[in-house]
C-alpha cells in the first residue's frame, strides 16, 4: 500500500517504503510516523509523530524479549523451553514471575505478592487465592459452564444455563434472582431483575434492537440507517431525538432534540477525533490535538482554555 484515502479530506495517508523494512507514514495533517521491521517482518522500532521512539527485540523463536519505551525504561520477558512466559521484568515496577502446570498458570508472583490458582482436569480455575489469603471457589457443569462462585465472605452466586449455553438464571450473593429469556436466534427478549421488574426487548430481522418495553409498560423505540447507525430514538415519554452523520463517515454530525434544538459535532483532524461541539444556544466547545492524538488544548463553552502537556510516554505532566 502506498496511499490510503477516502471521499472526506481528513483521510489521505501516504506510505513510503525502503528496502530495509522501514515505512514512513505521511498523514494528511503533515505529521509522520515511522515503522521499522526486521528481516522476518517483526516490528522492531516505532517513531511517533512527536518523536517518541519505541523499540522491541525478539529471540530466535520470534518471542518478544525486550521492550524499551520512549523514556528509556526497559521491560524484559523470559520464557521456558515450552515457550511459556515465566518472568516479566518491567523497567519501573517489581518483576512478575509465573509458574505453570500442564500448560496453565498455577502461581503468579509479583514482589512479595502471590496469587495461586487450582484447576480441574479441563484447566478451569476451581480455586483462586489472592495475596491476602482470600479464597474464591468456582464450580462448573459438564459442559464447562460456570455454575457457582463462592466468595471469601461466604456468599455464593449461582448460574443456570439452558441447552444452548445461554444464561437463563442468576442467583445473586444477596439472595436475589435475575432471569433471562431468548428468542430462537439467541437474542435476549426479556430480563427480570431481582425485584421482579420485567424488561422486554424486540429486534428487527437483521438483529438491531428496535423496541424496549420497560417495567410498567412504557416503551423506547429505535430507528437505524442502512449502516446500522441509530437515526432516531423515541423515549418513554414520546420524545423523539434524531441523529445525522457526516457525509462518508459513521460519526454523528448533528443531534436534533425533541424540541427542535440542535447540537452539532465536527471532526476536523487526520485521526477523525472530535474537534468541536456547538450546543443548542450556539456556544462552542473546542478540542485541539497533538499529532499523536493527545489533547493539546480544550476550550470550554464559556471560552475558558485549558492546555495539556505530556511526556514521551503520553503521561500527563
Protein backbone atom coordinates (compact mmCIF):
# COMPACT_ATOMS: atom_id res chain seq x y z
CA UNK A 1 0.00 0.00 0.00
CA UNK A 2 1.34 3.44 -0.92
CA UNK A 3 -1.77 5.54 -0.36
CA UNK A 4 -4.98 5.30 1.66
CA UNK A 5 -7.57 7.97 1.02
CA UNK A 6 -11.32 8.49 1.12
CA UNK A 7 -14.02 10.90 -0.04
CA UNK A 8 -13.51 13.04 3.08
CA UNK A 9 -10.46 15.26 3.34
CA UNK A 10 -9.31 14.05 6.76
CA UNK A 11 -8.15 10.74 5.34
CA UNK A 12 -5.29 10.89 2.87
CA UNK A 13 -2.35 8.87 4.13
CA UNK A 14 0.73 8.03 2.06
CA UNK A 15 3.31 5.33 2.75
CA UNK A 16 6.96 5.49 1.74
CA UNK A 17 8.85 2.18 1.86
CA UNK A 18 12.56 1.48 1.65
CA UNK A 19 14.43 -1.81 1.14
CA UNK A 20 15.33 -2.21 4.81
CA UNK A 21 11.88 -2.81 6.29
CA UNK A 22 11.22 0.83 7.08
CA UNK A 23 7.97 2.58 6.21
CA UNK A 24 7.27 6.26 6.77
CA UNK A 25 3.62 7.20 7.11
CA UNK A 26 2.70 10.71 5.94
CA UNK A 27 -0.61 11.81 7.43
CA UNK A 28 -2.97 14.41 5.99
CA UNK A 29 -2.05 16.94 8.70
CA UNK A 30 1.64 16.79 7.78
CA UNK A 31 2.68 14.60 10.70
CA UNK A 32 4.78 11.48 10.20
CA UNK A 33 5.10 8.07 11.80
CA UNK A 34 7.88 5.58 11.16
CA UNK A 35 7.78 1.79 11.50
CA UNK A 36 10.89 -0.37 11.17
CA UNK A 37 10.76 -4.16 10.71
CA UNK A 38 13.49 -6.79 10.78
CA UNK A 39 14.11 -9.35 8.04
CA UNK A 40 11.33 -11.52 9.49
CA UNK A 41 8.78 -8.68 9.24
CA UNK A 42 8.70 -8.14 13.01
CA UNK A 43 8.26 -4.60 14.28
CA UNK A 44 11.49 -3.51 15.97
CA UNK A 45 11.09 0.27 16.11
CA UNK A 46 8.24 2.76 16.04
CA UNK A 47 8.63 6.53 15.94
CA UNK A 48 5.53 8.50 16.85
CA UNK A 49 4.62 11.89 15.36
CA UNK A 50 6.04 13.62 18.44
CA UNK A 51 9.40 11.88 18.02
CA UNK A 52 8.85 9.29 20.75
CA UNK A 53 10.76 6.10 19.91
CA UNK A 54 9.71 2.58 20.90
CA UNK A 55 11.95 -0.47 20.48
CA UNK A 56 11.33 -4.23 20.52
CA UNK A 57 13.69 -7.21 20.44
CA UNK A 58 12.95 -10.88 19.84
CA UNK A 59 14.67 -14.22 20.36
CA UNK A 60 15.41 -16.73 17.61
CA UNK A 61 11.93 -18.24 18.06
CA UNK A 62 10.22 -14.91 17.44
CA UNK A 63 9.24 -14.30 21.05
CA UNK A 64 9.30 -10.76 22.40
CA UNK A 65 12.21 -10.47 24.84
CA UNK A 66 12.81 -6.75 25.38
CA UNK A 67 10.78 -3.57 25.01
CA UNK A 68 12.10 -0.06 25.53
CA UNK A 69 9.73 2.88 25.91
CA UNK A 70 10.46 6.45 24.75
CA UNK A 71 11.82 7.43 28.17
CA UNK A 72 14.32 4.57 28.16
CA UNK A 73 12.56 2.20 30.57
CA UNK A 74 13.19 -1.43 29.60
CA UNK A 75 10.81 -4.36 30.09
CA UNK A 76 12.26 -7.86 29.69
CA UNK A 77 10.43 -11.17 29.14
CA UNK A 78 11.66 -14.69 29.89
CA UNK A 79 10.20 -17.99 28.66
CA UNK A 80 10.63 -21.65 29.49
CA UNK A 81 11.52 -24.35 26.97
CA UNK A 82 7.84 -24.76 26.09
CA UNK A 83 7.57 -21.08 25.16
CA UNK A 84 5.52 -20.09 28.20
CA UNK A 85 6.14 -16.75 29.85
CA UNK A 86 7.80 -17.37 33.22
CA UNK A 87 9.08 -13.93 34.17
CA UNK A 88 8.44 -10.30 33.35
CA UNK A 89 10.82 -7.57 34.45
CA UNK A 90 9.26 -4.11 33.97
CA UNK A 91 11.56 -1.16 33.92
CA UNK A 92 9.83 0.79 36.69
CA UNK A 93 7.95 -1.86 38.68
CA UNK A 94 8.51 -5.08 40.57
CA UNK A 95 9.24 -8.18 38.47
CA UNK A 96 6.50 -10.73 37.91
CA UNK A 97 7.07 -14.48 37.63
CA UNK A 98 4.76 -17.27 36.50
CA UNK A 99 4.65 -20.97 37.36
CA UNK A 100 2.81 -23.34 35.04
CA UNK A 101 1.26 -26.77 35.41
CA UNK A 102 0.09 -28.75 32.38
CA UNK A 103 0.18 -25.60 30.29
CA UNK A 104 -1.81 -23.43 32.69
CA UNK A 105 -0.67 -20.67 35.04
CA UNK A 106 -0.62 -22.03 38.59
CA UNK A 107 1.20 -19.30 40.53
CA UNK A 108 1.83 -15.62 39.85
CA UNK A 109 4.36 -13.75 41.99
CA UNK A 110 4.97 -10.01 41.93
CA UNK A 111 7.39 -8.93 44.62
CA UNK A 112 6.06 -10.49 47.81
CA UNK A 113 2.50 -10.78 46.50
CA UNK A 114 1.42 -14.26 45.41
CA UNK A 115 -1.69 -15.40 43.51
CA UNK A 116 -2.45 -19.13 43.39
CA UNK A 117 -4.80 -21.00 41.06
CA UNK A 118 -6.10 -24.54 41.35
CA UNK A 119 -7.69 -26.08 38.26
CA UNK A 120 -9.75 -29.07 37.23
CA UNK A 121 -8.62 -31.51 34.55
CA UNK A 122 -10.11 -29.25 31.85
CA UNK A 123 -8.00 -26.33 33.05
CA UNK A 124 -10.84 -24.29 34.55
CA UNK A 125 -9.94 -22.39 37.72
CA UNK A 126 -11.69 -24.01 40.68
CA UNK A 127 -9.94 -22.07 43.44
CA UNK A 128 -8.19 -18.72 43.46
CA UNK A 129 -6.17 -17.44 46.41
CA UNK A 130 -5.15 -13.78 46.42
CA UNK A 131 -2.10 -12.24 48.14
CA UNK A 132 -4.17 -11.61 51.30
CA UNK A 133 -5.08 -15.28 51.56
CA UNK A 134 -8.68 -14.68 50.48
CA UNK A 135 -10.10 -17.73 48.70
CA UNK A 136 -12.70 -17.78 45.92
CA UNK A 137 -14.03 -21.14 44.68
CA UNK A 138 -15.64 -21.93 41.32
CA UNK A 139 -17.67 -24.87 40.04
CA UNK A 140 -18.67 -25.87 36.51
CA UNK A 141 -21.13 -28.17 34.79
CA UNK A 142 -20.13 -30.98 32.43
CA UNK A 143 -20.04 -28.50 29.54
CA UNK A 144 -17.51 -26.26 31.26
CA UNK A 145 -20.02 -23.54 32.05
CA UNK A 146 -19.57 -21.69 35.31
CA UNK A 147 -22.42 -22.60 37.68
CA UNK A 148 -21.22 -21.40 41.06
CA UNK A 149 -18.91 -18.88 42.71
CA UNK A 150 -18.17 -18.93 46.45
CA UNK A 151 -16.67 -15.67 47.67
CA UNK A 152 -14.30 -15.12 50.60
CA UNK A 153 -17.13 -13.68 52.73
CA UNK A 154 -19.03 -16.96 52.46
CA UNK A 155 -21.63 -15.70 50.00
CA UNK A 156 -22.46 -17.65 46.86
CA UNK A 157 -23.55 -16.79 43.33
CA UNK A 158 -25.13 -19.49 41.13
CA UNK A 159 -25.71 -19.52 37.39
CA UNK A 160 -28.17 -21.61 35.37
CA UNK A 161 -27.79 -22.22 31.64
CA UNK A 162 -30.10 -23.70 29.03
CA UNK A 163 -29.21 -26.37 26.48
CA UNK A 164 -27.96 -23.68 24.08
CA UNK A 165 -25.44 -22.34 26.56
CA UNK A 166 -27.44 -19.20 27.31
CA UNK A 167 -27.62 -17.80 30.82
CA UNK A 168 -31.25 -18.07 31.98
CA UNK A 169 -30.98 -17.54 35.72
CA UNK A 170 -28.56 -15.81 38.04
CA UNK A 171 -28.87 -16.35 41.78
CA UNK A 172 -27.08 -13.43 43.39
CA UNK A 173 -24.97 -13.50 46.51
CA UNK A 174 -27.61 -11.41 48.32
CA UNK A 175 -30.31 -13.98 47.60
CA UNK A 176 -31.93 -12.16 44.70
CA UNK A 177 -32.62 -13.90 41.39
CA UNK A 178 -32.31 -12.50 37.87
CA UNK A 179 -33.89 -14.30 34.92
CA UNK A 180 -33.29 -14.06 31.17
CA UNK A 181 -35.17 -15.27 28.08
CA UNK A 182 -34.07 -15.52 24.44
CA UNK A 183 -35.65 -15.99 21.03
CA UNK A 184 -34.79 -18.75 18.56
CA UNK A 185 -31.95 -16.63 17.16
CA UNK A 186 -30.30 -16.29 20.56
CA UNK A 187 -31.26 -12.67 21.13
CA UNK A 188 -32.29 -11.67 24.61
CA UNK A 189 -36.01 -10.85 24.63
CA UNK A 190 -36.68 -10.48 28.35
CA UNK A 191 -34.83 -9.71 31.54
CA UNK A 192 -36.29 -9.88 35.02
CA UNK A 193 -34.29 -8.26 37.80
CA UNK A 194 -34.03 -9.41 41.40
CA UNK A 195 -37.06 -7.29 42.33
CA UNK A 196 -39.32 -8.87 39.73
CA UNK A 197 -39.25 -5.92 37.31
CA UNK A 198 -39.51 -7.20 33.73
CA UNK A 199 -37.85 -5.52 30.73
CA UNK A 200 -38.57 -6.84 27.23
CA UNK A 201 -36.59 -6.39 24.00
CA UNK A 202 -37.68 -6.55 20.36
CA UNK A 203 -35.32 -6.91 17.39
CA UNK A 204 -35.60 -6.46 13.64
CA UNK A 205 -34.71 -9.06 11.01
CA UNK A 206 -31.03 -8.06 10.96
CA UNK A 207 -30.55 -8.16 14.73
CA UNK A 208 -30.96 -4.49 15.63
CA UNK A 209 -32.75 -3.52 18.82
CA UNK A 210 -35.94 -1.69 17.82
CA UNK A 211 -38.08 -1.57 20.94
CA UNK A 212 -37.66 -1.83 24.69
CA UNK A 213 -40.67 -2.37 26.92
CA UNK A 214 -39.80 -1.11 30.39
CA UNK A 215 -41.26 -2.34 33.67
CA UNK A 216 -44.68 -0.72 33.89
CA UNK A 217 -45.30 -0.83 30.14
CA UNK A 218 -43.54 2.33 28.92
CA UNK A 219 -41.55 1.86 25.71
CA UNK A 220 -38.43 3.13 23.95
CA UNK A 221 -38.03 2.74 20.18
CA UNK A 222 -35.05 2.98 17.84
CA UNK A 223 -34.63 3.51 14.07
CA UNK A 224 -31.48 2.91 12.02
CA UNK A 225 -29.86 3.79 8.72
CA UNK A 226 -28.63 1.06 6.30
CA UNK A 227 -25.27 1.04 8.08
CA UNK A 228 -26.80 0.16 11.44
CA UNK A 229 -26.38 3.61 13.00
CA UNK A 230 -29.21 4.96 15.12
CA UNK A 231 -31.10 7.74 13.32
CA UNK A 232 -33.94 8.24 15.79
CA UNK A 233 -34.91 7.20 19.29
CA UNK A 234 -38.25 7.69 20.97
CA UNK A 235 -38.18 7.72 24.77
CA UNK A 236 -40.85 6.52 27.17
CA UNK A 237 -42.48 9.99 27.16
CA UNK A 238 -42.82 10.03 23.38
CA UNK A 239 -39.97 12.48 22.80
CA UNK A 240 -38.02 11.79 19.60
CA UNK A 241 -34.31 12.55 19.25
CA UNK A 242 -32.80 12.29 15.76
CA UNK A 243 -29.20 11.81 14.65
CA UNK A 244 -27.43 12.76 11.44
CA UNK A 245 -24.00 11.58 10.33
CA UNK A 246 -21.20 13.32 8.46
CA UNK A 247 -21.01 12.50 4.75
CA UNK A 248 -18.90 9.41 4.20
CA UNK A 249 -18.47 8.87 7.94
CA UNK A 250 -20.26 6.96 10.65
CA UNK A 251 -19.68 9.79 13.13
CA UNK A 252 -22.57 11.85 14.48
CA UNK A 253 -22.60 15.32 12.91
CA UNK A 254 -25.87 16.58 14.38
CA UNK A 255 -28.29 15.67 17.14
CA UNK A 256 -31.78 17.11 16.79
CA UNK A 257 -33.60 17.19 20.10
CA UNK A 258 -37.31 16.62 20.58
CA UNK A 259 -37.91 20.38 20.99
CA UNK A 260 -36.18 21.16 17.68
CA UNK A 261 -32.95 22.44 19.21
CA UNK A 262 -29.72 21.06 17.80
CA UNK A 263 -26.21 20.05 18.79
CA UNK A 264 -23.58 19.72 16.06
CA UNK A 265 -20.23 17.93 16.00
CA UNK A 266 -17.10 18.34 13.86
CA UNK A 267 -14.09 16.06 13.33
CA UNK A 268 -11.53 18.23 11.58
CA UNK A 269 -8.32 16.28 12.03
CA UNK A 270 -6.48 13.41 10.39
CA UNK A 271 -7.48 10.98 13.15
CA UNK A 272 -11.19 11.88 12.94
CA UNK A 273 -11.19 12.92 16.59
CA UNK A 274 -13.88 15.26 17.86
CA UNK A 275 -12.76 18.87 17.38
CA UNK A 276 -15.86 20.97 18.02
CA UNK A 277 -19.28 20.79 19.62
CA UNK A 278 -21.84 23.53 19.08
CA UNK A 279 -24.62 23.39 21.64
CA UNK A 280 -28.29 24.36 21.46
CA UNK A 281 -27.61 28.07 22.04
CA UNK A 282 -24.70 28.41 19.59
CA UNK A 283 -21.87 28.13 22.12
CA UNK A 284 -18.85 26.10 21.01
CA UNK A 285 -16.60 23.66 22.80
CA UNK A 286 -13.29 23.04 21.03
CA UNK A 287 -10.56 20.44 21.18
CA UNK A 288 -7.11 20.69 19.61
CA UNK A 289 -4.75 17.73 19.42
CA UNK A 290 -1.08 16.97 19.15
CA UNK A 291 -0.15 14.97 16.02
CA UNK A 292 -0.14 11.76 18.10
CA UNK A 293 -3.81 12.25 19.05
CA UNK A 294 -3.40 13.53 22.61
CA UNK A 295 -5.41 16.61 23.59
CA UNK A 296 -3.34 19.78 23.33
CA UNK A 297 -5.93 22.40 24.22
CA UNK A 298 -9.52 22.39 25.38
CA UNK A 299 -11.78 25.42 25.03
CA UNK A 300 -14.98 25.22 27.06
CA UNK A 301 -18.40 26.60 26.21
CA UNK A 302 -17.52 29.53 28.46
CA UNK A 303 -14.36 30.29 26.46
CA UNK A 304 -12.07 29.06 29.23
CA UNK A 305 -8.96 27.42 27.78
CA UNK A 306 -7.00 24.54 29.27
CA UNK A 307 -3.68 23.38 27.81
CA UNK A 308 -2.12 19.96 28.30
CA UNK A 309 1.47 18.72 28.14
CA UNK A 310 2.70 15.12 28.16
CA UNK A 311 5.93 13.20 28.44
CA UNK A 312 7.06 10.96 25.59
CA UNK A 313 5.09 8.05 27.08
CA UNK A 314 1.88 10.05 26.82
CA UNK A 315 1.58 10.65 30.55
CA UNK A 316 0.08 13.98 31.55
CA UNK A 317 2.67 16.24 33.12
